[in-house]
N, C-alpha and C. Protein backbone atom coordinates (compact mmCIF):
# COMPACT_ATOMS: atom_id res chain seq x y z
N MET A 1 0.85 -1.17 0.00
CA MET A 1 0.00 0.00 0.00
C MET A 1 0.90 1.24 0.00
N LYS A 2 0.53 2.20 -0.83
CA LYS A 2 1.37 3.39 -1.00
C LYS A 2 0.85 4.55 -0.15
N LEU A 3 1.76 5.38 0.32
CA LEU A 3 1.43 6.57 1.10
C LEU A 3 0.74 7.59 0.20
N LYS A 4 -0.45 8.04 0.61
CA LYS A 4 -1.18 9.04 -0.17
C LYS A 4 -0.47 10.38 -0.06
N GLU A 5 -0.61 11.18 -1.12
CA GLU A 5 0.06 12.48 -1.16
C GLU A 5 -0.34 13.36 0.02
N LYS A 6 -1.63 13.36 0.37
CA LYS A 6 -2.12 14.15 1.50
C LYS A 6 -1.45 13.70 2.80
N ASP A 7 -1.35 12.38 3.00
CA ASP A 7 -0.71 11.85 4.21
C ASP A 7 0.77 12.22 4.24
N ALA A 8 1.43 12.17 3.09
CA ALA A 8 2.85 12.54 3.03
C ALA A 8 3.04 14.00 3.43
N ARG A 9 2.14 14.88 2.95
CA ARG A 9 2.22 16.31 3.32
C ARG A 9 1.98 16.49 4.81
N ASN A 10 0.98 15.77 5.35
CA ASN A 10 0.70 15.86 6.79
C ASN A 10 1.92 15.43 7.60
N LEU A 11 2.52 14.31 7.23
CA LEU A 11 3.68 13.81 7.98
C LEU A 11 4.82 14.82 7.94
N GLU A 12 5.05 15.38 6.77
CA GLU A 12 6.12 16.38 6.64
C GLU A 12 5.87 17.56 7.58
N GLU A 13 4.63 18.00 7.64
CA GLU A 13 4.27 19.12 8.53
C GLU A 13 4.38 18.71 10.00
N TRP A 14 3.85 17.54 10.35
CA TRP A 14 3.83 17.09 11.74
C TRP A 14 5.23 16.84 12.29
N TYR A 15 6.14 16.35 11.43
CA TYR A 15 7.49 16.02 11.88
C TYR A 15 8.47 17.19 11.76
N ALA A 16 8.03 18.28 11.14
CA ALA A 16 8.91 19.45 10.97
C ALA A 16 9.35 19.97 12.34
N GLY A 17 10.65 20.17 12.49
CA GLY A 17 11.20 20.69 13.73
C GLY A 17 11.38 19.66 14.83
N LYS A 18 11.01 18.42 14.57
CA LYS A 18 11.16 17.36 15.57
C LYS A 18 12.54 16.72 15.42
N GLU A 19 13.03 16.18 16.50
CA GLU A 19 14.33 15.50 16.48
C GLU A 19 14.07 14.00 16.41
N LEU A 20 14.15 13.47 15.19
CA LEU A 20 13.87 12.05 14.94
C LEU A 20 15.04 11.46 14.16
N THR A 21 15.60 10.39 14.67
CA THR A 21 16.80 9.81 14.04
C THR A 21 16.51 8.57 13.21
N SER A 22 15.34 7.96 13.40
CA SER A 22 15.01 6.71 12.70
C SER A 22 13.57 6.76 12.24
N ASP A 23 13.29 6.02 11.16
CA ASP A 23 11.90 5.94 10.69
C ASP A 23 11.55 4.51 10.30
N TRP A 24 10.95 3.82 11.25
CA TRP A 24 10.43 2.47 10.99
C TRP A 24 8.91 2.50 10.89
N PHE A 25 8.33 3.69 10.91
CA PHE A 25 6.87 3.81 11.02
C PHE A 25 6.16 4.26 9.74
N THR A 26 6.73 5.18 9.00
CA THR A 26 6.02 5.80 7.87
C THR A 26 5.48 4.78 6.88
N SER A 27 6.18 3.70 6.65
CA SER A 27 5.71 2.69 5.69
C SER A 27 4.40 2.03 6.13
N LYS A 28 4.06 2.14 7.41
CA LYS A 28 2.83 1.53 7.92
C LYS A 28 1.65 2.50 7.88
N VAL A 29 1.90 3.78 7.69
CA VAL A 29 0.85 4.80 7.74
C VAL A 29 -0.31 4.50 6.78
N PRO A 30 -0.08 4.05 5.54
CA PRO A 30 -1.22 3.76 4.67
C PRO A 30 -2.18 2.72 5.26
N HIS A 31 -1.65 1.73 5.94
CA HIS A 31 -2.50 0.72 6.56
C HIS A 31 -3.25 1.30 7.75
N TRP A 32 -2.57 2.13 8.54
CA TRP A 32 -3.21 2.76 9.70
C TRP A 32 -4.34 3.69 9.26
N THR A 33 -4.09 4.52 8.25
CA THR A 33 -5.13 5.47 7.83
C THR A 33 -6.31 4.73 7.20
N THR A 34 -6.07 3.62 6.57
CA THR A 34 -7.15 2.83 5.97
C THR A 34 -7.97 2.11 7.03
N HIS A 35 -7.32 1.38 7.91
CA HIS A 35 -8.03 0.49 8.84
C HIS A 35 -8.48 1.17 10.13
N LEU A 36 -7.96 2.35 10.42
CA LEU A 36 -8.33 3.04 11.66
C LEU A 36 -9.17 4.29 11.41
N LYS A 37 -9.65 4.46 10.18
CA LYS A 37 -10.35 5.71 9.85
C LYS A 37 -11.61 5.93 10.68
N GLY A 38 -12.24 4.88 11.17
CA GLY A 38 -13.44 5.03 12.00
C GLY A 38 -13.17 5.66 13.36
N PHE A 39 -11.90 5.74 13.75
CA PHE A 39 -11.53 6.31 15.05
C PHE A 39 -11.07 7.77 14.96
N THR A 40 -10.88 8.27 13.76
CA THR A 40 -10.20 9.55 13.55
C THR A 40 -10.84 10.72 14.29
N LYS A 41 -12.14 10.80 14.29
CA LYS A 41 -12.81 11.97 14.88
C LYS A 41 -13.51 11.64 16.19
N ARG A 42 -13.06 10.60 16.85
CA ARG A 42 -13.69 10.19 18.11
C ARG A 42 -12.74 10.43 19.28
N PRO A 43 -13.28 10.69 20.46
CA PRO A 43 -12.42 10.83 21.66
C PRO A 43 -12.03 9.44 22.16
N ILE A 44 -10.88 8.97 21.73
CA ILE A 44 -10.45 7.61 22.05
C ILE A 44 -9.28 7.61 23.02
N ARG A 45 -9.09 6.46 23.63
CA ARG A 45 -7.93 6.22 24.49
C ARG A 45 -7.04 5.24 23.73
N PHE A 46 -5.78 5.61 23.59
CA PHE A 46 -4.81 4.88 22.77
C PHE A 46 -3.64 4.52 23.68
N LEU A 47 -3.21 3.26 23.63
CA LEU A 47 -2.07 2.79 24.42
C LEU A 47 -0.97 2.35 23.47
N GLU A 48 0.24 2.88 23.69
CA GLU A 48 1.40 2.52 22.88
C GLU A 48 2.48 1.94 23.78
N LEU A 49 2.87 0.70 23.50
CA LEU A 49 3.96 0.05 24.23
C LEU A 49 5.20 0.11 23.36
N GLY A 50 6.15 0.93 23.75
CA GLY A 50 7.36 1.13 22.97
C GLY A 50 7.22 2.38 22.13
N SER A 51 7.75 3.49 22.62
CA SER A 51 7.54 4.78 21.95
C SER A 51 8.82 5.38 21.36
N PHE A 52 9.98 4.92 21.82
CA PHE A 52 11.27 5.39 21.32
C PHE A 52 11.33 6.92 21.34
N GLU A 53 11.51 7.56 20.20
CA GLU A 53 11.63 9.03 20.15
C GLU A 53 10.28 9.73 19.96
N GLY A 54 9.24 8.94 19.70
CA GLY A 54 7.91 9.52 19.58
C GLY A 54 7.37 9.69 18.18
N ARG A 55 8.00 9.11 17.17
CA ARG A 55 7.52 9.29 15.80
C ARG A 55 6.07 8.81 15.64
N SER A 56 5.79 7.59 16.07
CA SER A 56 4.41 7.09 15.93
C SER A 56 3.47 7.87 16.84
N ALA A 57 3.93 8.29 18.01
CA ALA A 57 3.10 9.08 18.92
C ALA A 57 2.71 10.42 18.29
N ILE A 58 3.63 11.05 17.60
CA ILE A 58 3.33 12.31 16.90
C ILE A 58 2.24 12.08 15.87
N PHE A 59 2.38 11.00 15.11
CA PHE A 59 1.34 10.66 14.13
C PHE A 59 0.00 10.45 14.82
N ILE A 60 -0.01 9.63 15.87
CA ILE A 60 -1.26 9.30 16.57
C ILE A 60 -1.96 10.56 17.07
N LEU A 61 -1.23 11.43 17.73
CA LEU A 61 -1.84 12.62 18.33
C LEU A 61 -2.30 13.64 17.30
N ASN A 62 -1.69 13.64 16.13
CA ASN A 62 -2.15 14.52 15.05
C ASN A 62 -3.29 13.90 14.25
N HIS A 63 -3.16 12.63 13.93
CA HIS A 63 -4.16 11.96 13.09
C HIS A 63 -5.46 11.70 13.85
N PHE A 64 -5.35 11.52 15.15
CA PHE A 64 -6.52 11.30 16.01
C PHE A 64 -6.61 12.49 16.98
N PRO A 65 -7.12 13.63 16.52
CA PRO A 65 -7.02 14.87 17.30
C PRO A 65 -7.78 14.88 18.63
N GLN A 66 -8.66 13.92 18.85
CA GLN A 66 -9.37 13.85 20.12
C GLN A 66 -8.85 12.71 21.00
N ALA A 67 -7.76 12.09 20.60
CA ALA A 67 -7.23 10.95 21.34
C ALA A 67 -6.41 11.38 22.55
N HIS A 68 -6.44 10.53 23.56
CA HIS A 68 -5.48 10.62 24.66
C HIS A 68 -4.57 9.40 24.50
N LEU A 69 -3.27 9.63 24.52
CA LEU A 69 -2.28 8.57 24.29
C LEU A 69 -1.48 8.31 25.55
N THR A 70 -1.41 7.04 25.93
CA THR A 70 -0.53 6.61 27.02
C THR A 70 0.65 5.89 26.38
N CYS A 71 1.86 6.37 26.64
CA CYS A 71 3.09 5.80 26.08
C CYS A 71 3.90 5.13 27.19
N ILE A 72 4.26 3.87 26.95
CA ILE A 72 5.11 3.13 27.89
C ILE A 72 6.41 2.80 27.19
N ASP A 73 7.53 3.12 27.84
CA ASP A 73 8.84 2.81 27.28
C ASP A 73 9.86 2.88 28.42
N LEU A 74 11.02 2.29 28.19
CA LEU A 74 12.11 2.44 29.16
C LEU A 74 12.64 3.87 29.16
N PHE A 75 12.48 4.56 28.04
CA PHE A 75 12.90 5.96 27.90
C PHE A 75 14.30 6.20 28.46
N ASN A 76 15.26 5.52 27.87
CA ASN A 76 16.64 5.65 28.32
C ASN A 76 17.32 6.88 27.72
N GLY A 77 18.04 7.61 28.55
CA GLY A 77 18.96 8.68 28.15
C GLY A 77 18.46 9.63 27.11
N GLU A 78 19.22 9.74 26.02
CA GLU A 78 18.94 10.72 24.97
C GLU A 78 17.58 10.47 24.31
N PHE A 79 17.12 9.22 24.29
CA PHE A 79 15.82 8.92 23.69
C PHE A 79 14.69 9.57 24.48
N GLU A 80 14.83 9.58 25.80
CA GLU A 80 13.82 10.22 26.64
C GLU A 80 13.78 11.72 26.39
N ASN A 81 14.95 12.34 26.29
CA ASN A 81 15.00 13.79 26.02
C ASN A 81 14.35 14.12 24.69
N ARG A 82 14.63 13.31 23.66
CA ARG A 82 14.02 13.54 22.35
C ARG A 82 12.50 13.34 22.42
N PHE A 83 12.07 12.26 23.08
CA PHE A 83 10.64 12.01 23.21
C PHE A 83 9.96 13.20 23.89
N ASP A 84 10.50 13.64 25.02
CA ASP A 84 9.90 14.75 25.76
C ASP A 84 9.80 16.00 24.90
N SER A 85 10.86 16.32 24.19
CA SER A 85 10.87 17.50 23.32
C SER A 85 9.87 17.34 22.17
N ASN A 86 9.87 16.18 21.55
CA ASN A 86 9.00 15.93 20.39
C ASN A 86 7.51 15.96 20.75
N LEU A 87 7.17 15.59 21.98
CA LEU A 87 5.77 15.47 22.38
C LEU A 87 5.30 16.63 23.27
N ALA A 88 6.17 17.57 23.58
CA ALA A 88 5.83 18.66 24.51
C ALA A 88 4.58 19.43 24.11
N GLU A 89 4.40 19.66 22.83
CA GLU A 89 3.26 20.46 22.37
C GLU A 89 1.90 19.82 22.66
N PHE A 90 1.89 18.53 22.97
CA PHE A 90 0.61 17.83 23.16
C PHE A 90 0.13 17.85 24.61
N GLY A 91 0.96 18.34 25.50
CA GLY A 91 0.56 18.54 26.90
C GLY A 91 -0.12 17.35 27.53
N ASP A 92 -1.32 17.59 28.08
CA ASP A 92 -2.00 16.55 28.85
C ASP A 92 -2.73 15.52 27.98
N ARG A 93 -2.55 15.60 26.66
CA ARG A 93 -3.11 14.56 25.78
C ARG A 93 -2.23 13.31 25.77
N VAL A 94 -1.04 13.40 26.35
CA VAL A 94 -0.14 12.25 26.39
C VAL A 94 0.29 12.00 27.83
N THR A 95 0.25 10.73 28.20
CA THR A 95 0.74 10.29 29.51
C THR A 95 1.95 9.41 29.26
N LYS A 96 3.06 9.74 29.88
CA LYS A 96 4.31 8.99 29.71
C LYS A 96 4.54 8.13 30.95
N LEU A 97 4.70 6.83 30.73
CA LEU A 97 5.01 5.89 31.81
C LEU A 97 6.38 5.28 31.54
N LYS A 98 7.32 5.56 32.41
CA LYS A 98 8.70 5.12 32.21
C LYS A 98 8.94 3.82 32.99
N GLY A 99 9.45 2.81 32.27
CA GLY A 99 9.77 1.55 32.91
C GLY A 99 9.36 0.37 32.04
N LYS A 100 9.39 -0.80 32.64
CA LYS A 100 9.07 -2.03 31.90
C LYS A 100 7.57 -2.11 31.62
N ALA A 101 7.26 -2.49 30.41
CA ALA A 101 5.86 -2.51 29.96
C ALA A 101 5.00 -3.43 30.81
N ILE A 102 5.49 -4.61 31.14
CA ILE A 102 4.67 -5.58 31.88
C ILE A 102 4.27 -5.01 33.24
N SER A 103 5.17 -4.34 33.93
CA SER A 103 4.84 -3.73 35.22
C SER A 103 3.75 -2.67 35.07
N HIS A 104 3.89 -1.82 34.07
CA HIS A 104 2.88 -0.78 33.86
C HIS A 104 1.55 -1.37 33.40
N LEU A 105 1.59 -2.41 32.58
CA LEU A 105 0.34 -3.05 32.16
C LEU A 105 -0.40 -3.60 33.37
N ASP A 106 0.33 -4.21 34.29
CA ASP A 106 -0.28 -4.73 35.51
C ASP A 106 -0.99 -3.60 36.28
N ASP A 107 -0.33 -2.46 36.39
CA ASP A 107 -0.93 -1.30 37.07
C ASP A 107 -2.18 -0.80 36.34
N LEU A 108 -2.10 -0.72 35.01
CA LEU A 108 -3.24 -0.22 34.23
C LEU A 108 -4.43 -1.16 34.33
N ILE A 109 -4.17 -2.46 34.35
CA ILE A 109 -5.25 -3.44 34.53
C ILE A 109 -5.89 -3.25 35.89
N ALA A 110 -5.08 -3.08 36.93
CA ALA A 110 -5.59 -2.87 38.29
C ALA A 110 -6.44 -1.59 38.37
N GLN A 111 -6.09 -0.60 37.55
CA GLN A 111 -6.84 0.67 37.52
C GLN A 111 -8.07 0.58 36.61
N LYS A 112 -8.27 -0.61 36.01
CA LYS A 112 -9.41 -0.86 35.11
C LYS A 112 -9.42 0.07 33.89
N LYS A 113 -8.24 0.37 33.37
CA LYS A 113 -8.13 1.20 32.17
C LYS A 113 -8.59 0.39 30.96
N ARG A 114 -9.20 1.08 30.00
CA ARG A 114 -9.67 0.46 28.77
C ARG A 114 -9.26 1.35 27.59
N TYR A 115 -8.97 0.71 26.47
CA TYR A 115 -8.47 1.44 25.30
C TYR A 115 -9.18 0.98 24.03
N GLN A 116 -9.33 1.92 23.10
CA GLN A 116 -9.89 1.59 21.79
C GLN A 116 -8.82 1.07 20.84
N ILE A 117 -7.59 1.53 21.00
CA ILE A 117 -6.49 1.07 20.15
C ILE A 117 -5.27 0.83 21.03
N ILE A 118 -4.63 -0.32 20.81
CA ILE A 118 -3.40 -0.67 21.52
C ILE A 118 -2.35 -1.06 20.49
N TYR A 119 -1.18 -0.41 20.59
CA TYR A 119 -0.07 -0.65 19.67
C TYR A 119 1.09 -1.24 20.44
N LEU A 120 1.47 -2.47 20.10
CA LEU A 120 2.56 -3.17 20.79
C LEU A 120 3.82 -3.12 19.94
N ASP A 121 4.79 -2.35 20.41
CA ASP A 121 6.08 -2.21 19.73
C ASP A 121 7.19 -2.18 20.78
N ALA A 122 6.99 -2.92 21.87
CA ALA A 122 7.97 -2.94 22.97
C ALA A 122 8.61 -4.32 23.03
N GLY A 123 9.90 -4.35 22.95
CA GLY A 123 10.61 -5.62 23.07
C GLY A 123 10.49 -6.46 21.81
N LYS A 124 11.43 -7.32 21.66
CA LYS A 124 11.47 -8.17 20.47
C LYS A 124 11.50 -9.66 20.82
N MET A 125 11.49 -9.99 22.09
CA MET A 125 11.60 -11.39 22.51
C MET A 125 10.22 -12.04 22.54
N ARG A 126 10.17 -13.33 22.23
CA ARG A 126 8.91 -14.06 22.13
C ARG A 126 8.10 -14.05 23.42
N ASP A 127 8.67 -14.50 24.53
CA ASP A 127 7.88 -14.69 25.74
C ASP A 127 7.31 -13.39 26.30
N PRO A 128 8.10 -12.32 26.44
CA PRO A 128 7.49 -11.06 26.91
C PRO A 128 6.42 -10.54 25.95
N THR A 129 6.60 -10.76 24.65
CA THR A 129 5.60 -10.31 23.68
C THR A 129 4.27 -11.02 23.92
N LEU A 130 4.33 -12.31 24.19
CA LEU A 130 3.10 -13.06 24.46
C LEU A 130 2.42 -12.56 25.74
N VAL A 131 3.21 -12.36 26.78
CA VAL A 131 2.66 -11.86 28.05
C VAL A 131 2.02 -10.49 27.85
N MET A 132 2.73 -9.58 27.18
CA MET A 132 2.19 -8.23 26.94
C MET A 132 0.91 -8.30 26.10
N SER A 133 0.87 -9.21 25.15
CA SER A 133 -0.32 -9.35 24.30
C SER A 133 -1.54 -9.75 25.12
N ILE A 134 -1.36 -10.73 25.98
CA ILE A 134 -2.47 -11.20 26.82
C ILE A 134 -2.92 -10.09 27.77
N MET A 135 -1.98 -9.40 28.37
CA MET A 135 -2.33 -8.31 29.29
C MET A 135 -3.02 -7.16 28.55
N ALA A 136 -2.52 -6.81 27.39
CA ALA A 136 -3.12 -5.71 26.62
C ALA A 136 -4.54 -6.06 26.19
N TRP A 137 -4.75 -7.29 25.77
CA TRP A 137 -6.08 -7.74 25.34
C TRP A 137 -7.12 -7.53 26.44
N ALA A 138 -6.71 -7.72 27.67
CA ALA A 138 -7.63 -7.54 28.80
C ALA A 138 -8.13 -6.10 28.90
N MET A 139 -7.42 -5.15 28.28
CA MET A 139 -7.81 -3.74 28.34
C MET A 139 -8.39 -3.22 27.04
N LEU A 140 -8.46 -4.07 26.02
CA LEU A 140 -8.95 -3.64 24.71
C LEU A 140 -10.48 -3.71 24.68
N ARG A 141 -11.10 -2.61 24.34
CA ARG A 141 -12.56 -2.56 24.26
C ARG A 141 -13.07 -3.40 23.09
N GLU A 142 -14.31 -3.86 23.19
CA GLU A 142 -14.96 -4.53 22.05
C GLU A 142 -14.97 -3.56 20.88
N GLY A 143 -14.66 -4.05 19.70
CA GLY A 143 -14.57 -3.19 18.52
C GLY A 143 -13.25 -2.44 18.44
N GLY A 144 -12.41 -2.60 19.47
CA GLY A 144 -11.11 -1.96 19.48
C GLY A 144 -10.11 -2.69 18.60
N VAL A 145 -9.00 -2.04 18.33
CA VAL A 145 -7.98 -2.58 17.43
C VAL A 145 -6.67 -2.76 18.18
N MET A 146 -6.06 -3.92 17.99
CA MET A 146 -4.73 -4.19 18.55
C MET A 146 -3.77 -4.37 17.37
N ILE A 147 -2.60 -3.75 17.50
CA ILE A 147 -1.59 -3.75 16.43
C ILE A 147 -0.27 -4.20 17.02
N TRP A 148 0.37 -5.15 16.36
CA TRP A 148 1.73 -5.57 16.73
C TRP A 148 2.68 -5.11 15.64
N ASP A 149 3.80 -4.55 16.04
CA ASP A 149 4.87 -4.24 15.10
C ASP A 149 5.83 -5.43 15.06
N ASP A 150 6.72 -5.41 14.11
CA ASP A 150 7.84 -6.36 14.03
C ASP A 150 7.41 -7.80 13.78
N TYR A 151 6.27 -8.00 13.12
CA TYR A 151 5.81 -9.36 12.86
C TYR A 151 6.80 -10.14 12.00
N GLN A 152 7.43 -9.47 11.07
CA GLN A 152 8.38 -10.14 10.18
C GLN A 152 9.84 -9.80 10.51
N TRP A 153 10.07 -9.29 11.71
CA TRP A 153 11.40 -8.85 12.12
C TRP A 153 12.32 -10.05 12.38
N LYS A 154 13.48 -10.07 11.72
CA LYS A 154 14.56 -11.03 11.97
C LYS A 154 14.04 -12.47 12.07
N LEU A 155 13.33 -12.92 11.07
CA LEU A 155 12.78 -14.28 11.09
C LEU A 155 13.85 -15.36 11.07
N ASP A 156 15.09 -14.97 10.80
CA ASP A 156 16.20 -15.93 10.81
C ASP A 156 16.75 -16.17 12.22
N ARG A 157 16.31 -15.39 13.19
CA ARG A 157 16.77 -15.57 14.58
C ARG A 157 16.08 -16.77 15.22
N PRO A 158 16.65 -17.28 16.31
CA PRO A 158 15.97 -18.35 17.05
C PRO A 158 14.57 -17.88 17.48
N ALA A 159 13.63 -18.81 17.57
CA ALA A 159 12.23 -18.48 17.82
C ALA A 159 12.02 -17.64 19.09
N ASP A 160 12.83 -17.87 20.12
CA ASP A 160 12.63 -17.13 21.37
C ASP A 160 13.18 -15.71 21.31
N GLN A 161 13.84 -15.36 20.19
CA GLN A 161 14.45 -14.03 20.06
C GLN A 161 13.75 -13.16 19.02
N ARG A 162 12.49 -13.44 18.77
CA ARG A 162 11.70 -12.64 17.83
C ARG A 162 10.23 -12.74 18.22
N PRO A 163 9.44 -11.72 17.92
CA PRO A 163 8.04 -11.71 18.37
C PRO A 163 7.08 -12.52 17.50
N HIS A 164 7.49 -12.93 16.32
CA HIS A 164 6.62 -13.59 15.35
C HIS A 164 5.81 -14.74 15.94
N ASP A 165 6.48 -15.67 16.59
CA ASP A 165 5.78 -16.86 17.11
C ASP A 165 4.86 -16.51 18.27
N ALA A 166 5.21 -15.50 19.05
CA ALA A 166 4.33 -15.05 20.15
C ALA A 166 3.04 -14.47 19.58
N ILE A 167 3.15 -13.69 18.53
CA ILE A 167 1.96 -13.10 17.91
C ILE A 167 1.09 -14.21 17.34
N ASN A 168 1.70 -15.17 16.65
CA ASN A 168 0.93 -16.29 16.12
C ASN A 168 0.26 -17.09 17.23
N ALA A 169 0.98 -17.33 18.33
CA ALA A 169 0.41 -18.08 19.46
C ALA A 169 -0.79 -17.33 20.04
N PHE A 170 -0.67 -16.02 20.17
CA PHE A 170 -1.78 -15.23 20.68
C PHE A 170 -2.97 -15.31 19.73
N LEU A 171 -2.72 -15.18 18.44
CA LEU A 171 -3.80 -15.24 17.45
C LEU A 171 -4.50 -16.60 17.49
N ASP A 172 -3.73 -17.67 17.66
CA ASP A 172 -4.33 -19.01 17.79
C ASP A 172 -5.16 -19.11 19.07
N TYR A 173 -4.63 -18.59 20.16
CA TYR A 173 -5.29 -18.64 21.47
C TYR A 173 -6.62 -17.90 21.45
N LYS A 174 -6.67 -16.78 20.75
CA LYS A 174 -7.88 -15.95 20.72
C LYS A 174 -8.68 -16.12 19.43
N ALA A 175 -8.42 -17.18 18.68
CA ALA A 175 -9.12 -17.42 17.42
C ALA A 175 -10.63 -17.34 17.63
N GLY A 176 -11.29 -16.65 16.71
CA GLY A 176 -12.73 -16.48 16.79
C GLY A 176 -13.16 -15.23 17.54
N GLU A 177 -12.22 -14.59 18.24
CA GLU A 177 -12.55 -13.40 19.04
C GLU A 177 -12.17 -12.09 18.34
N TYR A 178 -11.68 -12.18 17.11
CA TYR A 178 -11.21 -10.99 16.40
C TYR A 178 -11.33 -11.21 14.90
N ASP A 179 -11.24 -10.12 14.17
CA ASP A 179 -11.12 -10.14 12.72
C ASP A 179 -9.77 -9.56 12.36
N VAL A 180 -9.08 -10.17 11.41
CA VAL A 180 -7.79 -9.65 10.95
C VAL A 180 -8.05 -8.51 9.97
N LEU A 181 -7.46 -7.36 10.24
CA LEU A 181 -7.57 -6.20 9.35
C LEU A 181 -6.39 -6.14 8.39
N TRP A 182 -5.21 -6.52 8.87
CA TRP A 182 -4.01 -6.48 8.04
C TRP A 182 -2.96 -7.37 8.66
N LYS A 183 -2.26 -8.09 7.81
CA LYS A 183 -1.15 -8.93 8.25
C LYS A 183 -0.03 -8.76 7.24
N GLY A 184 1.06 -8.17 7.69
CA GLY A 184 2.23 -7.93 6.85
C GLY A 184 3.41 -7.72 7.78
N SER A 185 4.06 -6.57 7.67
CA SER A 185 5.14 -6.26 8.62
C SER A 185 4.58 -6.01 10.01
N GLN A 186 3.31 -5.69 10.07
CA GLN A 186 2.57 -5.58 11.33
C GLN A 186 1.35 -6.50 11.24
N VAL A 187 0.74 -6.74 12.39
CA VAL A 187 -0.54 -7.45 12.43
C VAL A 187 -1.53 -6.53 13.11
N MET A 188 -2.71 -6.39 12.50
CA MET A 188 -3.75 -5.51 13.02
C MET A 188 -5.05 -6.30 13.09
N ILE A 189 -5.64 -6.37 14.30
CA ILE A 189 -6.89 -7.11 14.48
C ILE A 189 -7.93 -6.23 15.17
N ARG A 190 -9.21 -6.52 14.89
CA ARG A 190 -10.31 -5.83 15.56
C ARG A 190 -11.01 -6.84 16.47
N ARG A 191 -11.17 -6.48 17.73
CA ARG A 191 -11.84 -7.34 18.70
C ARG A 191 -13.34 -7.38 18.42
N LYS A 192 -13.87 -8.60 18.33
CA LYS A 192 -15.30 -8.77 18.09
C LYS A 192 -16.08 -8.53 19.38
N PRO A 193 -17.34 -8.10 19.23
CA PRO A 193 -18.20 -8.01 20.43
C PRO A 193 -18.41 -9.41 21.02
N ILE A 194 -18.56 -9.45 22.32
CA ILE A 194 -18.77 -10.75 22.99
C ILE A 194 -20.21 -11.16 22.86
């Protein structure tokens, strides 16, 4: 799927003046704008596990202007400074949680938080990915969308050192409870009503 000219212009404007050193996200934007268009003008709660410098967060907060975004990341050193600077303009529309995703997910579940969209891009190891997936699912609203990044990342690595098999295991475990919206470099599913 190709990036639309309008989306390319928006991204150029949204990222202008930001300090971003890597771009693993822009190639996914056409799929996001296609499959998430029903959320664009709604006041949604969005959870992102793994935010790095904030490139995807900048997109989320601009593309979904009524969204509140919770970002969980280790936010180490210079990456935290870049994230803070890049997201400063969004003020209280973004909540930053620093530390391990599983610990924060446990807290969010205890607080009974619920989200319309959850994006999992934290960690690359199989077992933590499976645990995070199960925990995140517990907070995903019916009709909500869950997205995993890195589905095709380093498929030549041992199975325990890549998220691919964890994502497949989760999809098998929850078979019948979701519809697949897209499966490629990412996996995007919509939770069915119970």
